[in-house]
Amino acid sequence: MPLSLFEGPEKKVELAVVEGHPPLRALGEDRWREVVRAAGADVVSLMRGEHIDAYLLSESSLFVYDEFVTMITCGRTNLVSAVEAMLSVIDPADVSAFVYERKKEHFPREQPTSFFDDARLLREWLPGRAICFGAEHEHSVRLFHSTRPHLPEPDDRTLEVLMHGIDPAGAARFERLEPGDRVARDLGLSRCFEGYAVDEHVFAPTGYSFNAISGWAYTTLHVTPQRLGSYVSFETNAPELADDLEGLLAELLEVFAPESFDVVLFEPSARVFDLGVPGYRPRTHVREEVCGYHVTFQHWFRPCDEPGRAIELQLG
């Protein structure tokens, strides 16, 4: 895929094992590096915490706990091949909960597989169902999830904020970075770093990622600043961040000023929240139960005040 068409929207898998299963971190770094390579990505760096091994990847991130794993990849990766590598050492019968998530791509024809290809293959290994949050022809997230009974812990919550069309001035800030630059503390997202160990990487010629961990919590950010298909993903399982969703959104939107964004929230309780986001309007609101979690998907957009300009395309 030409650099100008780099696919920022990601694929994600979460896999939890049954109680009493050997610790997943005990599989060892070499095994998890094999899983990453199976997806078509590489490990850039590794940060170990008390409860988490946080791998920063050439295409997003991998978080390994003793009881579950979260893997996120972008670009042209084949995340289902990584799942196959996981299930070569984890008996599918020992999988307590499984969620495969795929954001609607900017450039789907450049992908090696479609969501439907992936879901059909996953169904051969794990019983499950496929669903779509949002309209197929608009911003949406597709999920394949296991249908086995699963009871999440009361504080087991994950928040995703997926931002499209980031402000050109903000995007240029990331295009000017040099490999080795340290910028996380200057992003204006202080609540995401307070008391966290941070691992960050600037990609050449463009792109930026960070992982941050503290205790059981992780936060991760990935920036694709290219003008055509600019995209930012933010994700955390820190309860204090999800509890103040409006405050967190305000900080993220101030930094990136996207044209639109999605909020995806997994939580054990059926919480009803009514967001107010100045400058944006809601277009989609979907709720569904997935693997014992109550999942909320919202898509927000910024109304257009004046005509934009055509974007010049690179033909190769």
C-alpha atoms as a PDB file:
ATOM      1  CA  MET A   1       0.000   0.000   0.000  1.00  0.00           C
ATOM      2  CA  PRO A   2       1.470   3.421  -0.888  1.00  0.00           C
ATOM      3  CA  LEU A   3       2.323   5.506   2.161  1.00  0.00           C
ATOM      4  CA  SER A   4      -0.296   8.083   1.143  1.00  0.00           C
ATOM      5  CA  LEU A   5      -2.945   5.371   1.593  1.00  0.00           C
ATOM      6  CA  PHE A   6      -1.798   3.971   4.924  1.00  0.00           C
ATOM      7  CA  GLU A   7      -4.722   2.344   6.746  1.00  0.00           C
ATOM      8  CA  GLY A   8      -5.063   3.874  10.197  1.00  0.00           C
ATOM      9  CA  PRO A   9      -8.392   2.269  11.239  1.00  0.00           C
ATOM     10  CA  GLU A  10      -7.539  -0.856  13.166  1.00  0.00           C
ATOM     11  CA  LYS A  11      -8.418  -4.448  13.797  1.00  0.00           C
ATOM     12  CA  LYS A  12      -8.547  -5.599  17.407  1.00  0.00           C
ATOM     13  CA  VAL A  13      -8.850  -8.870  19.293  1.00  0.00           C
ATOM     14  CA  GLU A  14      -9.518  -9.514  22.973  1.00  0.00           C
ATOM     15  CA  LEU A  15      -9.180 -13.048  24.294  1.00  0.00           C
ATOM     16  CA  ALA A  16      -9.762 -14.130  27.892  1.00  0.00           C
ATOM     17  CA  VAL A  17      -8.993 -17.593  29.254  1.00  0.00           C
ATOM     18  CA  VAL A  18     -10.901 -19.601  31.835  1.00  0.00           C
ATOM     19  CA  GLU A  19     -10.041 -19.459  35.514  1.00  0.00           C
ATOM     20  CA  GLY A  20      -7.129 -21.735  36.370  1.00  0.00           C
ATOM     21  CA  HIS A  21      -5.516 -21.523  32.926  1.00  0.00           C
ATOM     22  CA  PRO A  22      -1.702 -21.158  32.984  1.00  0.00           C
ATOM     23  CA  PRO A  23      -0.686 -17.476  32.894  1.00  0.00           C
ATOM     24  CA  LEU A  24      -0.537 -16.085  29.372  1.00  0.00           C
ATOM     25  CA  ARG A  25       2.531 -14.020  30.214  1.00  0.00           C
ATOM     26  CA  ALA A  26       4.284 -17.273  31.091  1.00  0.00           C
ATOM     27  CA  LEU A  27       4.159 -18.218  27.401  1.00  0.00           C
ATOM     28  CA  GLY A  28       7.167 -15.941  27.111  1.00  0.00           C
ATOM     29  CA  GLU A  29       8.306 -13.024  24.986  1.00  0.00           C
ATOM     30  CA  ASP A  30       9.474 -15.212  22.089  1.00  0.00           C
ATOM     31  CA  ARG A  31       6.019 -16.780  21.720  1.00  0.00           C
ATOM     32  CA  TRP A  32       4.285 -13.406  21.683  1.00  0.00           C
ATOM     33  CA  ARG A  33       6.771 -12.108  19.140  1.00  0.00           C
ATOM     34  CA  GLU A  34       5.760 -15.057  16.950  1.00  0.00           C
ATOM     35  CA  VAL A  35       2.109 -14.055  17.347  1.00  0.00           C
ATOM     36  CA  VAL A  36       2.952 -10.502  16.263  1.00  0.00           C
ATOM     37  CA  ARG A  37       4.924 -11.717  13.243  1.00  0.00           C
ATOM     38  CA  ALA A  38       2.007 -13.942  12.238  1.00  0.00           C
ATOM     39  CA  ALA A  39      -0.082 -10.786  11.801  1.00  0.00           C
ATOM     40  CA  GLY A  40       2.582  -9.214   9.600  1.00  0.00           C
ATOM     41  CA  ALA A  41       3.887  -6.793  12.227  1.00  0.00           C
ATOM     42  CA  ASP A  42       7.014  -6.467  14.383  1.00  0.00           C
ATOM     43  CA  VAL A  43       7.712  -5.637  18.026  1.00  0.00           C
ATOM     44  CA  VAL A  44       9.329  -2.219  18.345  1.00  0.00           C
ATOM     45  CA  SER A  45       9.725  -2.248  22.138  1.00  0.00           C
ATOM     46  CA  LEU A  46       8.481  -3.972  25.290  1.00  0.00           C
ATOM     47  CA  MET A  47       7.535  -2.458  28.639  1.00  0.00           C
ATOM     48  CA  ARG A  48       6.879  -4.815  31.552  1.00  0.00           C
ATOM     49  CA  GLY A  49       4.632  -3.883  34.464  1.00  0.00           C
ATOM     50  CA  GLU A  50       3.466  -5.712  37.561  1.00  0.00           C
ATOM     51  CA  HIS A  51       0.388  -7.054  35.777  1.00  0.00           C
ATOM     52  CA  ILE A  52       0.916  -6.195  32.075  1.00  0.00           C
ATOM     53  CA  ASP A  53       3.462  -6.800  29.341  1.00  0.00           C
ATOM     54  CA  ALA A  54       2.952  -3.908  26.899  1.00  0.00           C
ATOM     55  CA  TYR A  55       4.366  -4.432  23.417  1.00  0.00           C
ATOM     56  CA  LEU A  56       4.585  -1.409  21.117  1.00  0.00           C
ATOM     57  CA  LEU A  57       4.282  -2.696  17.554  1.00  0.00           C
ATOM     58  CA  SER A  58       5.185  -1.475  14.094  1.00  0.00           C
ATOM     59  CA  GLU A  59       1.395  -1.484  13.612  1.00  0.00           C
ATOM     60  CA  SER A  60      -0.187  -0.500  16.983  1.00  0.00           C
ATOM     61  CA  SER A  61      -0.009  -2.474  20.279  1.00  0.00           C
ATOM     62  CA  LEU A  62      -0.242  -5.753  22.199  1.00  0.00           C
ATOM     63  CA  PHE A  63      -1.099  -6.015  25.915  1.00  0.00           C
ATOM     64  CA  VAL A  64      -0.626  -9.374  27.628  1.00  0.00           C
ATOM     65  CA  TYR A  65      -2.010 -10.110  31.097  1.00  0.00           C
ATOM     66  CA  ASP A  66      -2.023 -13.482  32.846  1.00  0.00           C
ATOM     67  CA  GLU A  67      -5.765 -13.913  32.186  1.00  0.00           C
ATOM     68  CA  PHE A  68      -6.336 -12.110  28.879  1.00  0.00           C
ATOM     69  CA  VAL A  69      -4.703 -10.449  25.909  1.00  0.00           C
ATOM     70  CA  THR A  70      -5.585  -7.382  23.829  1.00  0.00           C
ATOM     71  CA  MET A  71      -3.985  -6.950  20.398  1.00  0.00           C
ATOM     72  CA  ILE A  72      -4.543  -4.005  18.060  1.00  0.00           C
ATOM     73  CA  THR A  73      -3.108  -3.740  14.544  1.00  0.00           C
ATOM     74  CA  CYS A  74      -3.448  -1.308  11.632  1.00  0.00           C
ATOM     75  CA  GLY A  75      -2.093  -1.095   8.082  1.00  0.00           C
ATOM     76  CA  ARG A  76      -2.367  -4.278   5.984  1.00  0.00           C
ATOM     77  CA  THR A  77      -1.974  -6.677   8.904  1.00  0.00           C
ATOM     78  CA  ASN A  78      -3.844  -9.979   9.058  1.00  0.00           C
ATOM     79  CA  LEU A  79      -4.892 -10.157  12.691  1.00  0.00           C
ATOM     80  CA  VAL A  80      -6.759 -13.450  12.243  1.00  0.00           C
ATOM     81  CA  SER A  81      -3.413 -15.118  11.495  1.00  0.00           C
ATOM     82  CA  ALA A  82      -2.253 -13.864  14.901  1.00  0.00           C
ATOM     83  CA  VAL A  83      -5.383 -15.388  16.474  1.00  0.00           C
ATOM     84  CA  GLU A  84      -4.519 -18.701  14.813  1.00  0.00           C
ATOM     85  CA  ALA A  85      -1.034 -18.479  16.334  1.00  0.00           C
ATOM     86  CA  MET A  86      -2.570 -17.809  19.770  1.00  0.00           C
ATOM     87  CA  LEU A  87      -4.906 -20.795  19.466  1.00  0.00           C
ATOM     88  CA  SER A  88      -1.979 -23.034  18.599  1.00  0.00           C
ATOM     89  CA  VAL A  89      -0.884 -22.685  22.246  1.00  0.00           C
ATOM     90  CA  ILE A  90      -4.264 -21.882  23.870  1.00  0.00           C
ATOM     91  CA  ASP A  91      -6.910 -24.593  23.612  1.00  0.00           C
ATOM     92  CA  PRO A  92     -10.082 -23.024  22.141  1.00  0.00           C
ATOM     93  CA  ALA A  93     -12.012 -24.872  24.855  1.00  0.00           C
ATOM     94  CA  ASP A  94     -10.153 -22.722  27.401  1.00  0.00           C
ATOM     95  CA  VAL A  95     -11.261 -19.439  25.820  1.00  0.00           C
ATOM     96  CA  SER A  96     -13.744 -17.786  28.162  1.00  0.00           C
ATOM     97  CA  ALA A  97     -14.477 -14.719  26.006  1.00  0.00           C
ATOM     98  CA  PHE A  98     -13.387 -13.637  22.549  1.00  0.00           C
ATOM     99  CA  VAL A  99     -14.064 -10.421  20.630  1.00  0.00           C
ATOM    100  CA  TYR A 100     -12.702  -9.578  17.173  1.00  0.00           C
ATOM    101  CA  GLU A 101     -13.334  -5.985  16.151  1.00  0.00           C
ATOM    102  CA  ARG A 102     -12.737  -4.355  12.803  1.00  0.00           C
ATOM    103  CA  LYS A 103     -13.296  -0.670  12.105  1.00  0.00           C
ATOM    104  CA  LYS A 104     -14.629   0.184   8.647  1.00  0.00           C
ATOM    105  CA  GLU A 105     -11.510   0.895   6.603  1.00  0.00           C
ATOM    106  CA  HIS A 106     -10.703   3.958   4.550  1.00  0.00           C
ATOM    107  CA  PHE A 107      -9.188   1.797   1.794  1.00  0.00           C
ATOM    108  CA  PRO A 108     -10.818  -1.649   2.063  1.00  0.00           C
ATOM    109  CA  ARG A 109      -9.612  -2.832  -1.356  1.00  0.00           C
ATOM    110  CA  GLU A 110      -6.028  -2.590  -0.117  1.00  0.00           C
ATOM    111  CA  GLN A 111      -6.684  -5.085   2.703  1.00  0.00           C
ATOM    112  CA  PRO A 112      -5.593  -8.743   2.376  1.00  0.00           C
ATOM    113  CA  THR A 113      -8.940  -9.926   3.808  1.00  0.00           C
ATOM    114  CA  SER A 114     -12.419  -8.600   4.528  1.00  0.00           C
ATOM    115  CA  PHE A 115     -14.259  -8.766   7.846  1.00  0.00           C
ATOM    116  CA  PHE A 116     -16.484 -11.481   6.401  1.00  0.00           C
ATOM    117  CA  ASP A 117     -13.442 -13.562   5.400  1.00  0.00           C
ATOM    118  CA  ASP A 118     -12.129 -13.180   8.942  1.00  0.00           C
ATOM    119  CA  ALA A 119     -15.427 -13.993  10.660  1.00  0.00           C
ATOM    120  CA  ARG A 120     -15.986 -17.163   8.622  1.00  0.00           C
ATOM    121  CA  LEU A 121     -12.530 -18.409   9.579  1.00  0.00           C
ATOM    122  CA  LEU A 122     -12.915 -17.488  13.249  1.00  0.00           C
ATOM    123  CA  ARG A 123     -16.228 -19.363  13.370  1.00  0.00           C
ATOM    124  CA  GLU A 124     -14.355 -22.562  12.490  1.00  0.00           C
ATOM    125  CA  TRP A 125     -12.351 -22.219  15.702  1.00  0.00           C
ATOM    126  CA  LEU A 126     -14.817 -20.610  18.116  1.00  0.00           C
ATOM    127  CA  PRO A 127     -18.629 -20.590  18.217  1.00  0.00           C
ATOM    128  CA  GLY A 128     -19.824 -17.019  17.748  1.00  0.00           C
ATOM    129  CA  ARG A 129     -21.872 -14.410  15.921  1.00  0.00           C
ATOM    130  CA  ALA A 130     -21.083 -11.428  13.707  1.00  0.00           C
ATOM    131  CA  ILE A 131     -22.703  -8.008  14.222  1.00  0.00           C
ATOM    132  CA  CYS A 132     -22.268  -4.444  12.983  1.00  0.00           C
ATOM    133  CA  PHE A 133     -22.462  -1.261  15.049  1.00  0.00           C
ATOM    134  CA  GLY A 134     -23.637   1.522  12.743  1.00  0.00           C
ATOM    135  CA  ALA A 135     -24.657   1.559   9.089  1.00  0.00           C
ATOM    136  CA  GLU A 136     -22.573  -0.587   6.731  1.00  0.00           C
ATOM    137  CA  HIS A 137     -22.097   2.292   4.257  1.00  0.00           C
ATOM    138  CA  GLU A 138     -21.107   4.827   6.948  1.00  0.00           C
ATOM    139  CA  HIS A 139     -18.740   4.864   9.924  1.00  0.00           C
ATOM    140  CA  SER A 140     -19.209   1.518  11.602  1.00  0.00           C
ATOM    141  CA  VAL A 141     -17.500  -1.179  13.657  1.00  0.00           C
ATOM    142  CA  ARG A 142     -17.985  -4.867  12.881  1.00  0.00           C
ATOM    143  CA  LEU A 143     -17.582  -7.498  15.594  1.00  0.00           C
ATOM    144  CA  PHE A 144     -17.286 -11.248  15.748  1.00  0.00           C
ATOM    145  CA  HIS A 145     -17.689 -12.467  19.316  1.00  0.00           C
ATOM    146  CA  SER A 146     -17.933 -15.760  21.127  1.00  0.00           C
ATOM    147  CA  THR A 147     -21.312 -16.808  22.499  1.00  0.00           C
ATOM    148  CA  ARG A 148     -20.139 -18.765  25.525  1.00  0.00           C
ATOM    149  CA  PRO A 149     -21.376 -17.494  28.923  1.00  0.00           C
ATOM    150  CA  HIS A 150     -18.912 -15.003  30.387  1.00  0.00           C
ATOM    151  CA  LEU A 151     -19.166 -12.857  33.519  1.00  0.00           C
ATOM    152  CA  PRO A 152     -16.877  -9.785  33.433  1.00  0.00           C
ATOM    153  CA  GLU A 153     -15.367  -8.336  36.579  1.00  0.00           C
ATOM    154  CA  PRO A 154     -17.325  -5.313  37.897  1.00  0.00           C
ATOM    155  CA  ASP A 155     -14.552  -2.855  36.944  1.00  0.00           C
ATOM    156  CA  ASP A 156     -13.666  -4.469  33.607  1.00  0.00           C
ATOM    157  CA  ARG A 157     -14.295  -1.556  31.256  1.00  0.00           C
ATOM    158  CA  THR A 158     -12.676  -0.545  27.959  1.00  0.00           C
ATOM    159  CA  LEU A 159     -13.104   2.771  26.164  1.00  0.00           C
ATOM    160  CA  GLU A 160     -12.152   3.493  22.552  1.00  0.00           C
ATOM    161  CA  VAL A 161     -12.215   6.921  20.891  1.00  0.00           C
ATOM    162  CA  LEU A 162     -11.642   6.654  17.131  1.00  0.00           C
ATOM    163  CA  MET A 163     -11.042   9.996  15.391  1.00  0.00           C
ATOM    164  CA  HIS A 164     -11.262  10.698  11.645  1.00  0.00           C
ATOM    165  CA  GLY A 165     -10.041  13.683   9.638  1.00  0.00           C
ATOM    166  CA  ILE A 166      -7.843  15.321  12.244  1.00  0.00           C
ATOM    167  CA  ASP A 167      -7.131  19.044  12.045  1.00  0.00           C
ATOM    168  CA  PRO A 168      -4.387  19.731   9.429  1.00  0.00           C
ATOM    169  CA  ALA A 169      -2.435  21.944  11.825  1.00  0.00           C
ATOM    170  CA  GLY A 170      -2.477  19.214  14.465  1.00  0.00           C
ATOM    171  CA  ALA A 171      -1.573  16.567  11.891  1.00  0.00           C
ATOM    172  CA  ALA A 172       1.402  18.642  10.694  1.00  0.00           C
ATOM    173  CA  ARG A 173       2.745  18.577  14.240  1.00  0.00           C
ATOM    174  CA  PHE A 174       3.168  14.808  13.955  1.00  0.00           C
ATOM    175  CA  GLU A 175       4.567  14.943  10.428  1.00  0.00           C
ATOM    176  CA  ARG A 176       7.445  17.124  11.637  1.00  0.00           C
ATOM    177  CA  LEU A 177       8.596  14.683  14.291  1.00  0.00           C
ATOM    178  CA  GLU A 178      11.928  12.888  14.075  1.00  0.00           C
ATOM    179  CA  PRO A 179      12.600   9.295  15.216  1.00  0.00           C
ATOM    180  CA  GLY A 180      13.642   9.438  18.844  1.00  0.00           C
ATOM    181  CA  ASP A 181      11.564  12.523  19.687  1.00  0.00           C
ATOM    182  CA  ARG A 182       9.713  12.387  22.997  1.00  0.00           C
ATOM    183  CA  VAL A 183       6.387  14.185  22.711  1.00  0.00           C
ATOM    184  CA  ALA A 184       3.844  12.331  24.876  1.00  0.00           C
ATOM    185  CA  ARG A 185       4.060  14.741  27.807  1.00  0.00           C
ATOM    186  CA  ASP A 186       3.519  17.721  25.506  1.00  0.00           C
ATOM    187  CA  LEU A 187       0.285  16.464  23.915  1.00  0.00           C
ATOM    188  CA  GLY A 188      -1.982  18.073  26.498  1.00  0.00           C
ATOM    189  CA  LEU A 189      -3.358  14.724  27.725  1.00  0.00           C
ATOM    190  CA  SER A 190      -1.878  14.873  31.209  1.00  0.00           C
ATOM    191  CA  ARG A 191      -4.583  12.731  32.844  1.00  0.00           C
ATOM    192  CA  CYS A 192      -3.506   9.833  30.585  1.00  0.00           C
ATOM    193  CA  PHE A 193       0.073   9.891  31.943  1.00  0.00           C
ATOM    194  CA  GLU A 194      -0.279  10.811  35.603  1.00  0.00           C
ATOM    195  CA  GLY A 195       1.503   8.005  37.445  1.00  0.00           C
ATOM    196  CA  TYR A 196       1.976   5.935  34.245  1.00  0.00           C
ATOM    197  CA  ALA A 197       5.112   4.432  32.736  1.00  0.00           C
ATOM    198  CA  VAL A 198       5.213   5.581  29.094  1.00  0.00           C
ATOM    199  CA  ASP A 199       6.698   3.993  25.979  1.00  0.00           C
ATOM    200  CA  GLU A 200       6.469   6.001  22.748  1.00  0.00           C
ATOM    201  CA  HIS A 201       7.761   5.782  19.207  1.00  0.00           C
ATOM    202  CA  VAL A 202       7.959   8.135  16.222  1.00  0.00           C
ATOM    203  CA  PHE A 203       7.821   6.294  12.901  1.00  0.00           C
ATOM    204  CA  ALA A 204       9.730   7.253   9.762  1.00  0.00           C
ATOM    205  CA  PRO A 205       8.672   8.991   7.616  1.00  0.00           C
ATOM    206  CA  THR A 206       5.509   9.698   9.633  1.00  0.00           C
ATOM    207  CA  GLY A 207       3.273   8.264  12.360  1.00  0.00           C
ATOM    208  CA  TYR A 208       3.299   8.098  16.153  1.00  0.00           C
ATOM    209  CA  SER A 209       2.336   5.609  18.897  1.00  0.00           C
ATOM    210  CA  PHE A 210       2.490   5.388  22.658  1.00  0.00           C
ATOM    211  CA  ASN A 211       1.661   2.841  25.338  1.00  0.00           C
ATOM    212  CA  ALA A 212       1.219   3.820  28.988  1.00  0.00           C
ATOM    213  CA  ILE A 213       0.702   1.389  31.878  1.00  0.00           C
ATOM    214  CA  SER A 214       0.012   1.680  35.591  1.00  0.00           C
ATOM    215  CA  GLY A 215      -1.041  -1.264  37.765  1.00  0.00           C
ATOM    216  CA  TRP A 216      -3.830  -3.060  35.866  1.00  0.00           C
ATOM    217  CA  ALA A 217      -4.485  -0.123  33.535  1.00  0.00           C
ATOM    218  CA  TYR A 218      -3.219   0.669  30.069  1.00  0.00           C
ATOM    219  CA  THR A 219      -3.686   3.606  27.730  1.00  0.00           C
ATOM    220  CA  THR A 220      -2.613   3.627  24.099  1.00  0.00           C
ATOM    221  CA  LEU A 221      -2.657   6.202  21.305  1.00  0.00           C
ATOM    222  CA  HIS A 222      -1.898   5.780  17.588  1.00  0.00           C
ATOM    223  CA  VAL A 223      -1.697   8.678  15.125  1.00  0.00           C
ATOM    224  CA  THR A 224      -1.836   8.420  11.326  1.00  0.00           C
ATOM    225  CA  PRO A 225      -1.348  12.071  10.284  1.00  0.00           C
ATOM    226  CA  GLN A 226      -1.395  11.671   6.479  1.00  0.00           C
ATOM    227  CA  ARG A 227      -3.770  14.153   4.853  1.00  0.00           C
ATOM    228  CA  LEU A 228      -5.574  11.399   2.941  1.00  0.00           C
ATOM    229  CA  GLY A 229      -7.145   9.191   5.610  1.00  0.00           C
ATOM    230  CA  SER A 230      -5.823  10.905   8.742  1.00  0.00           C
ATOM    231  CA  TYR A 231      -6.854   8.983  11.832  1.00  0.00           C
ATOM    232  CA  VAL A 232      -6.208   8.718  15.575  1.00  0.00           C
ATOM    233  CA  SER A 233      -7.180   5.887  17.899  1.00  0.00           C
ATOM    234  CA  PHE A 234      -7.203   6.170  21.678  1.00  0.00           C
ATOM    235  CA  GLU A 235      -7.979   3.272  24.005  1.00  0.00           C
ATOM    236  CA  THR A 236      -7.879   2.697  27.746  1.00  0.00           C
ATOM    237  CA  ASN A 237      -9.167   0.330  30.415  1.00  0.00           C
ATOM    238  CA  ALA A 238      -8.453   2.791  33.242  1.00  0.00           C
ATOM    239  CA  PRO A 239     -11.745   3.186  35.188  1.00  0.00           C
ATOM    240  CA  GLU A 240     -11.027   6.771  36.235  1.00  0.00           C
ATOM    241  CA  LEU A 241     -10.729   7.850  32.588  1.00  0.00           C
ATOM    242  CA  ALA A 242     -13.932   6.159  31.433  1.00  0.00           C
ATOM    243  CA  ASP A 243     -15.753   7.575  34.482  1.00  0.00           C
ATOM    244  CA  ASP A 244     -15.060  11.104  33.231  1.00  0.00           C
ATOM    245  CA  LEU A 245     -15.873  10.481  29.587  1.00  0.00           C
ATOM    246  CA  GLU A 246     -16.850  14.050  28.755  1.00  0.00           C
ATOM    247  CA  GLY A 247     -13.693  15.477  30.340  1.00  0.00           C
ATOM    248  CA  LEU A 248     -11.485  12.983  28.512  1.00  0.00           C
ATOM    249  CA  LEU A 249     -13.238  13.648  25.200  1.00  0.00           C
ATOM    250  CA  ALA A 250     -12.768  17.388  25.664  1.00  0.00           C
ATOM    251  CA  GLU A 251      -8.999  16.911  26.003  1.00  0.00           C
ATOM    252  CA  LEU A 252      -8.747  14.574  23.004  1.00  0.00           C
ATOM    253  CA  LEU A 253     -10.872  16.801  20.784  1.00  0.00           C
ATOM    254  CA  GLU A 254      -8.885  19.879  21.740  1.00  0.00           C
ATOM    255  CA  VAL A 255      -5.647  18.180  20.692  1.00  0.00           C
ATOM    256  CA  PHE A 256      -6.851  16.578  17.433  1.00  0.00           C
ATOM    257  CA  ALA A 257     -10.028  18.519  16.413  1.00  0.00           C
ATOM    258  CA  PRO A 258     -11.294  15.665  14.197  1.00  0.00           C
ATOM    259  CA  GLU A 259     -14.061  16.027  11.636  1.00  0.00           C
ATOM    260  CA  SER A 260     -15.814  13.071  13.268  1.00  0.00           C
ATOM    261  CA  PHE A 261     -15.207  10.446  15.931  1.00  0.00           C
ATOM    262  CA  ASP A 262     -16.606   7.207  17.329  1.00  0.00           C
ATOM    263  CA  VAL A 263     -16.960   6.247  20.978  1.00  0.00           C
ATOM    264  CA  VAL A 264     -16.958   2.514  21.719  1.00  0.00           C
ATOM    265  CA  LEU A 265     -17.477   1.540  25.353  1.00  0.00           C
ATOM    266  CA  PHE A 266     -17.428  -2.005  26.785  1.00  0.00           C
ATOM    267  CA  GLU A 267     -18.626  -2.235  30.396  1.00  0.00           C
ATOM    268  CA  PRO A 268     -20.265  -4.830  32.668  1.00  0.00           C
ATOM    269  CA  SER A 269     -23.209  -2.645  33.727  1.00  0.00           C
ATOM    270  CA  ALA A 270     -25.975  -1.280  31.530  1.00  0.00           C
ATOM    271  CA  ARG A 271     -25.051   2.339  32.183  1.00  0.00           C
ATOM    272  CA  VAL A 272     -27.033   4.945  30.289  1.00  0.00           C
ATOM    273  CA  PHE A 273     -25.108   8.118  29.535  1.00  0.00           C
ATOM    274  CA  ASP A 274     -26.092  11.228  27.628  1.00  0.00           C
ATOM    275  CA  LEU A 275     -22.993  12.865  26.215  1.00  0.00           C
ATOM    276  CA  GLY A 276     -22.774  16.517  25.425  1.00  0.00           C
ATOM    277  CA  VAL A 277     -19.932  17.335  23.014  1.00  0.00           C
ATOM    278  CA  PRO A 278     -19.694  21.048  22.094  1.00  0.00           C
ATOM    279  CA  GLY A 279     -19.225  21.590  18.370  1.00  0.00           C
ATOM    280  CA  TYR A 280     -20.353  18.062  17.385  1.00  0.00           C
ATOM    281  CA  ARG A 281     -23.628  16.327  16.697  1.00  0.00           C
ATOM    282  CA  PRO A 282     -24.505  12.651  17.224  1.00  0.00           C
ATOM    283  CA  ARG A 283     -25.441  10.605  14.166  1.00  0.00           C
ATOM    284  CA  THR A 284     -25.475   7.007  15.443  1.00  0.00           C
ATOM    285  CA  HIS A 285     -26.148   5.416  18.832  1.00  0.00           C
ATOM    286  CA  VAL A 286     -26.214   1.612  19.121  1.00  0.00           C
ATOM    287  CA  ARG A 287     -26.247  -0.661  22.187  1.00  0.00           C
ATOM    288  CA  GLU A 288     -25.772  -4.420  22.304  1.00  0.00           C
ATOM    289  CA  GLU A 289     -24.710  -7.121  24.760  1.00  0.00           C
ATOM    290  CA  VAL A 290     -21.449  -8.857  23.817  1.00  0.00           C
ATOM    291  CA  CYS A 291     -19.756 -11.565  25.911  1.00  0.00           C
ATOM    292  CA  GLY A 292     -21.477 -10.319  29.064  1.00  0.00           C
ATOM    293  CA  TYR A 293     -20.495  -6.694  28.377  1.00  0.00           C
ATOM    294  CA  HIS A 294     -22.895  -3.899  27.545  1.00  0.00           C
ATOM    295  CA  VAL A 295     -21.412  -2.250  24.460  1.00  0.00           C
ATOM    296  CA  THR A 296     -22.250   1.288  23.380  1.00  0.00           C
ATOM    297  CA  PHE A 297     -21.279   2.708  19.968  1.00  0.00           C
ATOM    298  CA  GLN A 298     -21.750   6.384  19.136  1.00  0.00           C
ATOM    299  CA  HIS A 299     -20.683   8.296  16.031  1.00  0.00           C
ATOM    300  CA  TRP A 300     -20.333  12.081  16.233  1.00  0.00           C
ATOM    301  CA  PHE A 301     -19.617  14.599  13.468  1.00  0.00           C
ATOM    302  CA  ARG A 302     -18.784  18.292  13.190  1.00  0.00           C
ATOM    303  CA  PRO A 303     -21.277  20.241  11.052  1.00  0.00           C
ATOM    304  CA  CYS A 304     -19.761  21.867   7.966  1.00  0.00           C
ATOM    305  CA  ASP A 305     -19.846  25.667   8.082  1.00  0.00           C
ATOM    306  CA  GLU A 306     -18.228  26.361   4.715  1.00  0.00           C
ATOM    307  CA  PRO A 307     -17.151  24.446   1.583  1.00  0.00           C
ATOM    308  CA  GLY A 308     -13.874  22.603   1.701  1.00  0.00           C
ATOM    309  CA  ARG A 309     -11.290  22.090  -1.046  1.00  0.00           C
ATOM    310  CA  ALA A 310     -10.700  19.095  -3.270  1.00  0.00           C
ATOM    311  CA  ILE A 311      -7.863  16.781  -2.258  1.00  0.00           C
ATOM    312  CA  GLU A 312      -5.203  16.025  -4.846  1.00  0.00           C
ATOM    313  CA  LEU A 313      -4.743  12.272  -5.301  1.00  0.00           C
ATOM    314  CA  GLN A 314      -1.387  10.584  -5.912  1.00  0.00           C
ATOM    315  CA  LEU A 315      -1.597   8.077  -8.724  1.00  0.00           C
ATOM    316  CA  GLY A 316       1.652   6.274  -7.950  1.00  0.00           C
END
